[in-house]
Protein backbone atom coordinates (compact mmCIF):
# COMPACT_ATOMS: atom_id res chain seq x y z
CA UNK A 1 9.84 -117.53 -128.14
CA UNK A 2 13.34 -118.69 -129.00
CA UNK A 3 13.51 -119.81 -132.56
CA UNK A 4 15.34 -122.94 -131.53
CA UNK A 5 12.48 -124.01 -129.22
CA UNK A 6 9.76 -124.22 -131.80
CA UNK A 7 8.94 -127.88 -132.09
CA UNK A 8 7.32 -131.57 -129.86
CA UNK A 9 9.22 -132.37 -126.78
CA UNK A 10 11.35 -135.37 -127.50
CA UNK A 11 13.73 -135.20 -124.57
CA UNK A 12 12.54 -138.54 -123.14
CA UNK A 13 13.15 -140.31 -126.45
CA UNK A 14 16.97 -140.80 -126.14
CA UNK A 15 18.09 -140.50 -122.53
CA UNK A 16 21.51 -142.11 -122.29
CA UNK A 17 21.97 -143.81 -118.96
CA UNK A 18 25.55 -143.98 -117.81
CA UNK A 19 26.13 -146.34 -114.92
CA UNK A 20 29.53 -146.38 -113.18
CA UNK A 21 28.69 -149.56 -111.19
CA UNK A 22 25.75 -151.49 -109.96
CA UNK A 23 23.87 -150.85 -106.75
CA UNK A 24 20.72 -152.27 -105.27
CA UNK A 25 17.69 -149.98 -105.47
CA UNK A 26 14.87 -149.87 -102.95
CA UNK A 27 12.45 -151.10 -105.55
CA UNK A 28 14.74 -153.98 -106.71
CA UNK A 29 13.85 -153.25 -110.34
CA UNK A 30 16.54 -153.85 -112.97
CA UNK A 31 18.47 -151.13 -114.73
CA UNK A 32 17.75 -150.63 -118.40
CA UNK A 33 19.80 -152.84 -120.77
CA UNK A 34 23.20 -151.95 -122.07
CA UNK A 35 26.67 -153.23 -123.02
CA UNK A 36 28.76 -155.32 -120.69
CA UNK A 37 30.70 -153.81 -117.74
CA UNK A 38 34.00 -153.96 -119.64
CA UNK A 39 32.67 -151.42 -122.17
CA UNK A 40 35.06 -148.43 -122.23
CA UNK A 41 33.01 -145.58 -120.77
CA UNK A 42 35.95 -143.22 -121.24
CA UNK A 43 35.28 -143.27 -124.98
CA UNK A 44 32.44 -140.83 -124.32
CA UNK A 45 34.55 -137.83 -125.28
CA UNK A 46 32.94 -135.00 -127.25
CA UNK A 47 34.73 -136.29 -130.33
CA UNK A 48 33.70 -139.97 -130.21
CA UNK A 49 30.34 -139.89 -128.49
CA UNK A 50 28.23 -138.80 -131.41
CA UNK A 51 28.69 -141.94 -133.50
CA UNK A 52 29.33 -144.22 -130.49
CA UNK A 53 26.12 -143.31 -128.68
CA UNK A 54 24.19 -143.38 -131.91
CA UNK A 55 25.20 -147.01 -132.42
CA UNK A 56 24.28 -147.88 -128.84
CA UNK A 57 20.82 -146.30 -129.25
CA UNK A 58 20.32 -148.46 -132.35
CA UNK A 59 21.36 -151.60 -130.46
CA UNK A 60 19.69 -151.10 -127.05
CA UNK A 61 16.82 -148.71 -127.61
CA UNK A 62 15.56 -145.49 -126.14
CA UNK A 63 17.18 -145.78 -122.70
CA UNK A 64 20.28 -147.84 -121.90
CA UNK A 65 22.85 -148.30 -119.14
CA UNK A 66 26.64 -148.10 -119.31
CA UNK A 67 28.59 -149.84 -116.58
CA UNK A 68 32.10 -149.22 -115.25
CA UNK A 69 33.30 -148.65 -111.71
CA UNK A 70 31.36 -148.08 -108.50
CA UNK A 71 29.07 -145.09 -108.97
CA UNK A 72 25.61 -144.78 -110.51
CA UNK A 73 24.84 -142.23 -113.15
CA UNK A 74 21.37 -142.18 -114.70
CA UNK A 75 18.44 -139.90 -115.43
CA UNK A 76 14.82 -138.90 -115.94
CA UNK A 77 13.50 -136.52 -113.27
CA UNK A 78 16.52 -134.41 -113.72
CA UNK A 79 16.75 -131.28 -111.59
CA UNK A 80 20.47 -131.19 -110.83
CA UNK A 81 23.99 -131.62 -112.21
CA UNK A 82 26.29 -134.50 -111.18
CA UNK A 83 29.21 -133.65 -108.91
CA UNK A 84 32.25 -133.55 -111.17
CA UNK A 85 35.20 -133.36 -108.80
CA UNK A 86 37.80 -133.00 -111.58
CA UNK A 87 36.02 -130.51 -113.81
CA UNK A 88 33.71 -128.52 -111.65
CA UNK A 89 35.69 -128.45 -108.40
CA UNK A 90 39.36 -128.67 -109.32
CA UNK A 91 39.47 -127.07 -112.80
CA UNK A 92 36.66 -124.59 -112.28
CA UNK A 93 36.81 -123.92 -108.56
CA UNK A 94 33.06 -124.54 -108.26
CA UNK A 95 32.52 -121.39 -110.33
CA UNK A 96 31.61 -122.65 -113.85
CA UNK A 97 27.89 -121.95 -114.31
CA UNK A 98 27.44 -124.84 -116.73
CA UNK A 99 28.57 -127.39 -114.10
CA UNK A 100 27.12 -125.96 -110.89
CA UNK A 101 24.82 -128.03 -108.76
CA UNK A 102 21.69 -126.55 -107.21
CA UNK A 103 22.48 -124.08 -104.48
CA UNK A 104 23.05 -120.41 -103.57
CA UNK A 105 25.93 -119.89 -105.97
CA UNK A 106 23.87 -121.11 -108.96
CA UNK A 107 21.02 -118.82 -107.95
CA UNK A 108 23.37 -115.83 -107.59
CA UNK A 109 24.96 -116.47 -110.97
CA UNK A 110 21.66 -116.81 -112.74
CA UNK A 111 20.33 -113.62 -111.18
CA UNK A 112 23.46 -111.77 -112.33
CA UNK A 113 23.11 -113.12 -115.89
CA UNK A 114 19.40 -112.52 -116.25
CA UNK A 115 19.66 -108.76 -116.81
CA UNK A 116 22.04 -109.03 -119.73
CA UNK A 117 20.87 -112.25 -121.43
CA UNK A 118 17.08 -112.28 -121.18
CA UNK A 119 15.08 -112.09 -124.40
CA UNK A 120 14.36 -108.31 -124.03
CA UNK A 121 18.00 -107.51 -123.50
CA UNK A 122 19.08 -109.54 -126.55
CA UNK A 123 17.38 -106.97 -128.77
CA UNK A 124 19.70 -104.28 -127.48
CA UNK A 125 22.67 -106.15 -128.93
CA UNK A 126 21.32 -106.27 -132.49
CA UNK A 127 23.26 -103.22 -133.77
CA UNK A 128 26.51 -104.77 -132.46
CA UNK A 129 25.66 -108.12 -134.06
CA UNK A 130 24.80 -106.42 -137.37
CA UNK A 131 28.12 -104.58 -137.32
CA UNK A 132 30.30 -107.63 -136.79
CA UNK A 133 28.16 -109.82 -139.09
CA UNK A 134 28.58 -107.33 -141.96
CA UNK A 135 32.31 -107.33 -141.31
CA UNK A 136 32.39 -111.11 -141.52
CA UNK A 137 30.65 -111.04 -144.92
CA UNK A 138 33.11 -108.49 -146.28
CA UNK A 139 36.06 -110.54 -145.01
CA UNK A 140 34.77 -113.70 -146.70
CA UNK A 141 34.36 -111.82 -149.94
CA UNK A 142 38.07 -110.87 -149.75
CA UNK A 143 39.40 -114.23 -148.68
CA UNK A 144 36.83 -117.13 -148.81
CA UNK A 145 39.38 -119.76 -147.76
CA UNK A 146 39.41 -118.31 -144.25
CA UNK A 147 35.64 -118.50 -143.68
CA UNK A 148 36.01 -120.61 -140.52
CA UNK A 149 38.53 -118.19 -139.00
CA UNK A 150 36.18 -115.34 -139.76
CA UNK A 151 33.32 -117.16 -138.01
CA UNK A 152 35.58 -117.44 -134.92
CA UNK A 153 36.46 -113.75 -135.19
CA UNK A 154 32.84 -112.72 -135.43
CA UNK A 155 31.92 -114.69 -132.34
CA UNK A 156 34.93 -113.59 -130.35
CA UNK A 157 34.58 -109.89 -131.30
CA UNK A 158 30.90 -109.75 -130.44
CA UNK A 159 31.18 -111.66 -127.14
CA UNK A 160 34.28 -109.69 -126.04
CA UNK A 161 32.34 -106.51 -126.66
CA UNK A 162 29.31 -107.84 -124.80
CA UNK A 163 31.34 -109.20 -121.83
CA UNK A 164 34.16 -106.64 -121.50
CA UNK A 165 33.22 -103.63 -123.66
CA UNK A 166 36.04 -104.25 -126.06
CA UNK A 167 35.69 -102.48 -129.40
CA UNK A 168 36.99 -103.48 -132.78
CA UNK A 169 37.43 -106.83 -134.48
CA UNK A 170 39.45 -109.66 -132.89
CA UNK A 171 41.96 -111.89 -134.65
CA UNK A 172 41.36 -115.59 -134.13
CA UNK A 173 45.06 -116.05 -133.32
CA UNK A 174 45.25 -113.49 -130.56
CA UNK A 175 46.74 -114.91 -127.36
CA UNK A 176 43.59 -114.40 -125.35
CA UNK A 177 41.45 -116.20 -127.89
CA UNK A 178 43.94 -119.06 -128.16
CA UNK A 179 44.00 -119.27 -124.34
CA UNK A 180 40.20 -119.52 -124.23
CA UNK A 181 40.25 -122.34 -126.73
CA UNK A 182 42.91 -124.16 -124.70
CA UNK A 183 40.89 -123.72 -121.52
CA UNK A 184 37.76 -125.29 -123.12
CA UNK A 185 39.77 -128.16 -124.46
CA UNK A 186 40.96 -128.85 -120.95
CA UNK A 187 37.42 -128.77 -119.54
CA UNK A 188 36.38 -131.19 -122.29
CA UNK A 189 39.22 -133.54 -121.36
CA UNK A 190 38.50 -133.43 -117.61
CA UNK A 191 34.72 -133.94 -117.93
CA UNK A 192 35.04 -137.27 -119.72
CA UNK A 193 33.68 -140.20 -117.61
CA UNK A 194 36.55 -142.07 -116.00
CA UNK A 195 39.24 -139.57 -117.07
CA UNK A 196 40.29 -138.75 -113.51
CA UNK A 197 40.32 -140.91 -110.42
CA UNK A 198 39.12 -138.00 -108.26
CA UNK A 199 35.63 -138.35 -109.79
CA UNK A 200 35.51 -141.83 -108.28
CA UNK A 201 37.22 -140.81 -105.01
CA UNK A 202 36.47 -137.10 -104.35
CA UNK A 203 38.63 -136.95 -101.22
CA UNK A 204 41.67 -136.98 -103.51
CA UNK A 205 41.14 -133.30 -104.38
CA UNK A 206 42.07 -132.37 -100.83
CA UNK A 207 45.48 -134.07 -101.07
CA UNK A 208 48.10 -131.48 -102.16
CA UNK A 209 50.09 -134.01 -104.15
CA UNK A 210 47.12 -135.15 -106.30
CA UNK A 211 46.92 -133.89 -109.89
CA UNK A 212 49.07 -130.79 -110.25
CA UNK A 213 47.73 -130.74 -113.83
CA UNK A 214 44.19 -129.99 -112.83
CA UNK A 215 45.26 -127.39 -110.26
CA UNK A 216 47.44 -125.62 -112.86
CA UNK A 217 44.61 -125.61 -115.35
CA UNK A 218 42.42 -123.80 -112.79
CA UNK A 219 45.14 -121.28 -111.99
CA UNK A 220 45.68 -120.53 -115.70
CA UNK A 221 42.00 -120.06 -116.34
CA UNK A 222 41.38 -117.88 -113.26
CA UNK A 223 44.34 -115.68 -114.14
CA UNK A 224 43.03 -115.19 -117.67
CA UNK A 225 39.59 -114.14 -116.41
CA UNK A 226 41.02 -111.91 -113.72
CA UNK A 227 43.15 -110.05 -116.30
CA UNK A 228 40.06 -109.27 -118.31
CA UNK A 229 38.20 -107.97 -115.26
CA UNK A 230 41.20 -105.91 -114.17
CA UNK A 231 41.24 -104.29 -117.63
CA UNK A 232 37.65 -103.18 -117.12
CA UNK A 233 38.25 -101.98 -113.54
CA UNK A 234 41.10 -99.78 -114.79
CA UNK A 235 38.82 -98.18 -117.41
CA UNK A 236 35.30 -97.89 -116.07
CA UNK A 237 34.59 -95.20 -118.62
CA UNK A 238 34.22 -97.83 -121.31
CA UNK A 239 30.87 -98.60 -122.92
CA UNK A 240 28.25 -100.57 -121.05
CA UNK A 241 29.17 -104.28 -120.78
CA UNK A 242 28.55 -107.28 -118.56
CA UNK A 243 31.78 -106.98 -116.60
CA UNK A 244 31.15 -103.31 -115.90
CA UNK A 245 27.67 -104.17 -114.67
CA UNK A 246 29.04 -106.83 -112.37
CA UNK A 247 31.66 -104.48 -110.93
CA UNK A 248 29.15 -101.71 -110.35
CA UNK A 249 26.69 -104.02 -108.65
CA UNK A 250 29.11 -106.40 -106.97
CA UNK A 251 27.86 -105.83 -103.45
CA UNK A 252 24.20 -106.15 -104.50
CA UNK A 253 24.88 -109.33 -106.42
CA UNK A 254 26.96 -110.70 -103.46
CA UNK A 255 29.76 -111.86 -105.71
CA UNK A 256 33.38 -112.14 -104.61
CA UNK A 257 36.08 -111.14 -107.03
CA UNK A 258 36.85 -114.64 -108.23
CA UNK A 259 33.15 -115.36 -108.82
CA UNK A 260 32.80 -112.13 -110.75
CA UNK A 261 35.82 -112.97 -112.94
CA UNK A 262 34.63 -116.52 -113.63
CA UNK A 263 31.02 -115.49 -114.39
CA UNK A 264 32.14 -112.95 -117.02
CA UNK A 265 34.89 -115.24 -118.40
CA UNK A 266 32.84 -118.38 -118.83
CA UNK A 267 30.08 -116.37 -120.46
CA UNK A 268 32.60 -115.27 -123.04
CA UNK A 269 34.40 -118.59 -123.53
CA UNK A 270 31.33 -120.81 -123.98
CA UNK A 271 29.39 -118.29 -126.02
CA UNK A 272 32.13 -117.57 -128.60
CA UNK A 273 32.96 -121.25 -129.20
CA UNK A 274 29.44 -122.50 -129.80
CA UNK A 275 28.49 -119.54 -131.92
CA UNK A 276 31.49 -119.94 -134.21
CA UNK A 277 30.78 -123.67 -134.58
CA UNK A 278 27.12 -123.03 -135.39
CA UNK A 279 28.01 -120.48 -138.11
CA UNK A 280 30.34 -123.02 -139.78
CA UNK A 281 27.64 -125.66 -139.54
CA UNK A 282 25.26 -123.36 -141.35
CA UNK A 283 27.84 -122.77 -144.16
CA UNK A 284 28.36 -126.47 -144.51
CA UNK A 285 24.60 -127.07 -144.62
CA UNK A 286 24.19 -124.56 -147.45
CA UNK A 287 26.94 -126.19 -149.48
CA UNK A 288 25.69 -129.74 -148.91
CA UNK A 289 22.03 -129.02 -149.59
CA UNK A 290 21.82 -126.61 -152.54
CA UNK A 291 18.03 -127.05 -153.01
CA UNK A 292 17.36 -125.82 -149.47
CA UNK A 293 19.76 -122.91 -150.04
CA UNK A 294 17.83 -122.04 -153.21
CA UNK A 295 14.50 -121.88 -151.24
CA UNK A 296 16.12 -119.54 -148.70
CA UNK A 297 17.64 -117.33 -151.42
CA UNK A 298 14.32 -117.11 -153.26
CA UNK A 299 12.72 -115.82 -150.09
CA UNK A 300 15.56 -113.34 -149.50
CA UNK A 301 15.30 -112.04 -153.07
CA UNK A 302 11.55 -111.60 -152.70
CA UNK A 303 11.57 -109.92 -149.26
CA UNK A 304 14.89 -108.04 -149.23
CA UNK A 305 15.99 -107.84 -152.89
CA UNK A 306 19.41 -106.60 -154.01
CA UNK A 307 19.16 -102.95 -153.14
CA UNK A 308 19.45 -103.23 -149.34
CA UNK A 309 20.81 -105.68 -146.76
CA UNK A 310 18.59 -107.95 -144.59
CA UNK A 311 18.14 -106.75 -141.02
CA UNK A 312 16.59 -107.97 -137.81
CA UNK A 313 13.39 -106.14 -138.83
CA UNK A 314 12.96 -108.75 -141.59
CA UNK A 315 12.77 -111.65 -139.09
CA UNK A 316 8.98 -112.15 -139.26
CA UNK A 317 9.04 -112.15 -143.04
CA UNK A 318 11.86 -114.68 -143.40
CA UNK A 319 10.46 -118.02 -142.16
CA UNK A 320 12.66 -120.00 -144.59
CA UNK A 321 15.78 -118.42 -143.05
CA UNK A 322 14.58 -119.33 -139.57
CA UNK A 323 13.78 -122.84 -140.72
CA UNK A 324 17.17 -123.23 -142.37
CA UNK A 325 18.95 -122.27 -139.14
CA UNK A 326 16.79 -124.75 -137.21
CA UNK A 327 17.53 -127.54 -139.63
CA UNK A 328 21.28 -126.94 -139.81
CA UNK A 329 21.34 -127.00 -135.98
CA UNK A 330 19.41 -130.24 -135.92
CA UNK A 331 21.47 -131.82 -138.67
CA UNK A 332 24.79 -131.14 -136.85
CA UNK A 333 24.10 -130.16 -133.20
CA UNK A 334 27.18 -128.40 -131.91
CA UNK A 335 26.36 -129.49 -128.36
CA UNK A 336 27.40 -133.09 -129.19
CA UNK A 337 26.07 -135.42 -126.53
CA UNK A 338 25.31 -132.54 -124.17
CA UNK A 339 26.16 -132.21 -120.51
CA UNK A 340 24.82 -134.70 -117.98
CA UNK A 341 22.03 -134.15 -115.54
CA UNK A 342 21.42 -136.01 -112.26
CA UNK A 343 18.30 -137.88 -111.15
CA UNK A 344 16.86 -136.22 -108.01
CA UNK A 345 14.94 -139.37 -107.02
CA UNK A 346 14.42 -142.97 -108.03
CA UNK A 347 12.65 -143.04 -111.41
CA UNK A 348 10.49 -145.94 -112.56
CA UNK A 349 10.44 -146.23 -116.34
CA UNK A 350 8.95 -149.20 -118.19
CA UNK A 351 9.66 -151.64 -115.33
CA UNK A 352 13.20 -150.35 -114.90
CA UNK A 353 14.56 -148.28 -112.04
CA UNK A 354 16.82 -145.31 -112.62
CA UNK A 355 18.42 -144.74 -109.23
CA UNK A 356 18.45 -141.47 -107.34
CA UNK A 357 21.74 -139.49 -107.94
CA UNK A 358 22.39 -141.38 -111.20
CA UNK A 359 23.82 -139.39 -114.13
CA UNK A 360 22.07 -139.08 -117.50
CA UNK A 361 23.24 -137.78 -120.81
CA UNK A 362 20.41 -136.59 -123.06
CA UNK A 363 22.30 -137.24 -126.29
CA UNK A 364 21.45 -134.34 -128.63
CA UNK A 365 22.76 -136.14 -131.70
CA UNK A 366 20.43 -139.11 -131.26
CA UNK A 367 17.49 -136.94 -130.18
CA UNK A 368 17.84 -135.04 -133.46
CA UNK A 369 17.87 -138.33 -135.38
CA UNK A 370 14.80 -140.03 -133.90
CA UNK A 371 13.35 -141.84 -136.88
CA UNK A 372 9.86 -141.64 -135.41
CA UNK A 373 10.11 -137.82 -135.62
CA UNK A 374 12.47 -137.33 -138.62
CA UNK A 375 11.78 -139.86 -141.37
CA UNK A 376 15.12 -139.14 -143.02
CA UNK A 377 17.47 -137.83 -140.31
CA UNK A 378 20.10 -136.65 -142.78
CA UNK A 379 17.62 -134.45 -144.64
CA UNK A 380 14.37 -133.89 -142.77
CA UNK A 381 12.81 -130.54 -141.88
CA UNK A 382 9.69 -130.37 -139.65
CA UNK A 383 7.85 -127.29 -138.56
CA UNK A 384 6.29 -128.85 -135.44
CA UNK A 385 9.31 -130.21 -133.64
CA UNK A 386 11.32 -128.78 -130.66
CA UNK A 387 15.06 -128.84 -130.62
CA UNK A 388 17.22 -128.89 -127.45
CA UNK A 389 20.48 -127.39 -128.66
CA UNK A 390 20.48 -125.16 -125.55
CA UNK A 391 19.91 -127.91 -123.00
CA UNK A 392 16.99 -129.02 -120.91
CA UNK A 393 14.93 -127.67 -118.07
CA UNK A 394 16.65 -125.63 -115.36
CA UNK A 395 19.99 -125.95 -117.17
CA UNK A 396 18.83 -124.50 -120.48
CA UNK A 397 21.60 -122.18 -121.71
CA UNK A 398 21.01 -118.56 -120.55
CA UNK A 399 22.77 -117.29 -123.70
CA UNK A 400 20.21 -118.88 -126.05
CA UNK A 401 18.42 -115.59 -126.96
CA UNK A 402 21.69 -113.92 -127.90
CA UNK A 403 22.86 -116.95 -129.98
CA UNK A 404 19.44 -117.07 -131.70
CA UNK A 405 19.95 -113.53 -133.01
CA UNK A 406 23.51 -114.17 -134.12
CA UNK A 407 22.58 -117.22 -136.13
CA UNK A 408 19.59 -115.54 -137.75
CA UNK A 409 21.45 -112.44 -138.95
CA UNK A 410 24.53 -114.42 -140.05
CA UNK A 411 22.39 -116.84 -142.11
CA UNK A 412 20.35 -114.02 -143.67
CA UNK A 413 23.44 -112.00 -144.56
CA UNK A 414 25.57 -114.83 -145.93
CA UNK A 415 22.80 -116.39 -148.07
CA UNK A 416 21.75 -112.93 -149.29
CA UNK A 417 25.35 -112.11 -150.28
CA UNK A 418 26.63 -115.42 -151.66
CA UNK A 419 25.78 -118.66 -153.39
CA UNK A 420 27.72 -121.21 -151.25
CA UNK A 421 28.87 -124.27 -153.20
CA UNK A 422 30.79 -127.42 -152.47
CA UNK A 423 34.22 -127.79 -154.12
CA UNK A 424 33.89 -130.66 -156.63
CA UNK A 425 37.57 -131.42 -156.24
CA UNK A 426 37.41 -131.55 -152.43
CA UNK A 427 34.07 -133.04 -151.29
CA UNK A 428 33.03 -132.16 -147.78
CA UNK A 429 33.31 -134.81 -145.12
CA UNK A 430 29.86 -134.29 -143.59
CA UNK A 431 30.90 -136.22 -140.45
CA UNK A 432 34.28 -134.59 -140.10
CA UNK A 433 34.18 -133.49 -136.46
CA UNK A 434 36.74 -132.81 -133.87
CA UNK A 435 36.27 -132.40 -130.13
CA UNK A 436 37.38 -129.10 -128.76
CA UNK A 437 36.34 -128.78 -125.18
CA UNK A 438 32.63 -128.58 -124.40
CA UNK A 439 31.34 -128.40 -127.97
CA UNK A 440 31.80 -130.09 -131.32
CA UNK A 441 33.59 -128.22 -134.08
CA UNK A 442 33.99 -129.13 -137.75
CA UNK A 443 37.16 -130.11 -139.43
CA UNK A 444 38.27 -127.43 -141.96
CA UNK A 445 36.38 -127.71 -145.21
CA UNK A 446 36.63 -125.74 -148.50
CA UNK A 447 33.64 -124.10 -150.16
CA UNK A 448 33.13 -121.63 -152.94
CA UNK A 449 31.41 -118.29 -152.21
CA UNK A 450 29.92 -116.93 -155.41
CA UNK A 451 28.72 -113.32 -155.19
CA UNK A 452 24.94 -113.19 -155.33
CA UNK A 453 24.50 -109.38 -155.01
CA UNK A 454 26.56 -107.15 -157.30
CA UNK A 455 26.41 -104.08 -154.99
CA UNK A 456 27.18 -106.12 -151.89
CA UNK A 457 30.26 -104.12 -150.80
CA UNK A 458 28.52 -100.72 -151.05
CA UNK A 459 25.38 -101.96 -149.27
CA UNK A 460 27.32 -103.48 -146.36
CA UNK A 461 29.21 -100.22 -145.62
């Protein structure tokens, strides 16, 4: 079982109902309460929504409605994605897995991903993860100030190897990595409610003069992904990787060339960004909560000691490491407010009606701060609660098993190798976030890495 899915289902606790206009429902029941219709729904960017939605939950309760415009967006029985004309159709060409609605393309994509991202396959990637994680620890020992850059390099190096068979470490400032970051920022901008008129009037996408910006974003992204696939096509002797598998099985998987390029590309882009953010969240957690770090290090000292490095074989004997990863993910969920779902039918909830086709945002931040589950949301670890950092239901992230493994080994190695401490002269802003595309990243923060194992360099070789 995924280590991030260990705890009581609380999905229904904080469904955020976003209403883009009122419409009569067959049952004539009211919508849940919420702010007035002049409330600025466009403020729900990945950057602002964490604190904004948290305050709305406190004011209006478990489920509330946001009004603006002429569409309904709500949720509860959620088996689909909303139709995002700007993001899914114009920017992504209906080929971004995260945004696909139910249908044949979604089924094709998931079948293609299953072989490489299922739980059994994730174990095959452990040697690669161990290699790049050890490199990250050595890099931090040499230049601690660049710890966030090294987290990005770990994630990009591993995912590039997994997706395209690329060997060697990647620099965070390489053009391809910068282009991926820019692409995700654009997706994050386009997906904001009310950001583009085409989401209100979908016919606009068929007018050639409408939004050259969105069309150029799609062309840039598709060209980037096609270049990566072409590189694999030109060198099919490379090591086994996802793109090579797709090319070898293209006819069987029934993927056209653009679909193939997008499937491999979006797997890389989303996976590298969220993994890097999660590693930095873990580092911040260790610095901000030294007592919890001490408990983890006592366990590592007892189980691993200072004469060898922790490995994946130690997983079952390191429950404190697993718990620390879970808690850091709950404390600062990198998914922000999450991606919306769509109600597949009218839902009756506590004498309210959530209309069919309405959009819902299951706000991860508020879910992870439910006071009925976490008595002190800023510092509260439970062993019987389930976290939803990888989404809900049918749209749970297919990369979750691979990310699980990365976060475990990174946490074990970093807290085995270093004592991570906050800089007294530069306190960490624990709510210093910035929105970069589809996930939340942390503002740069300084920490001290004090060597914990004298023979660290020799043991990591």
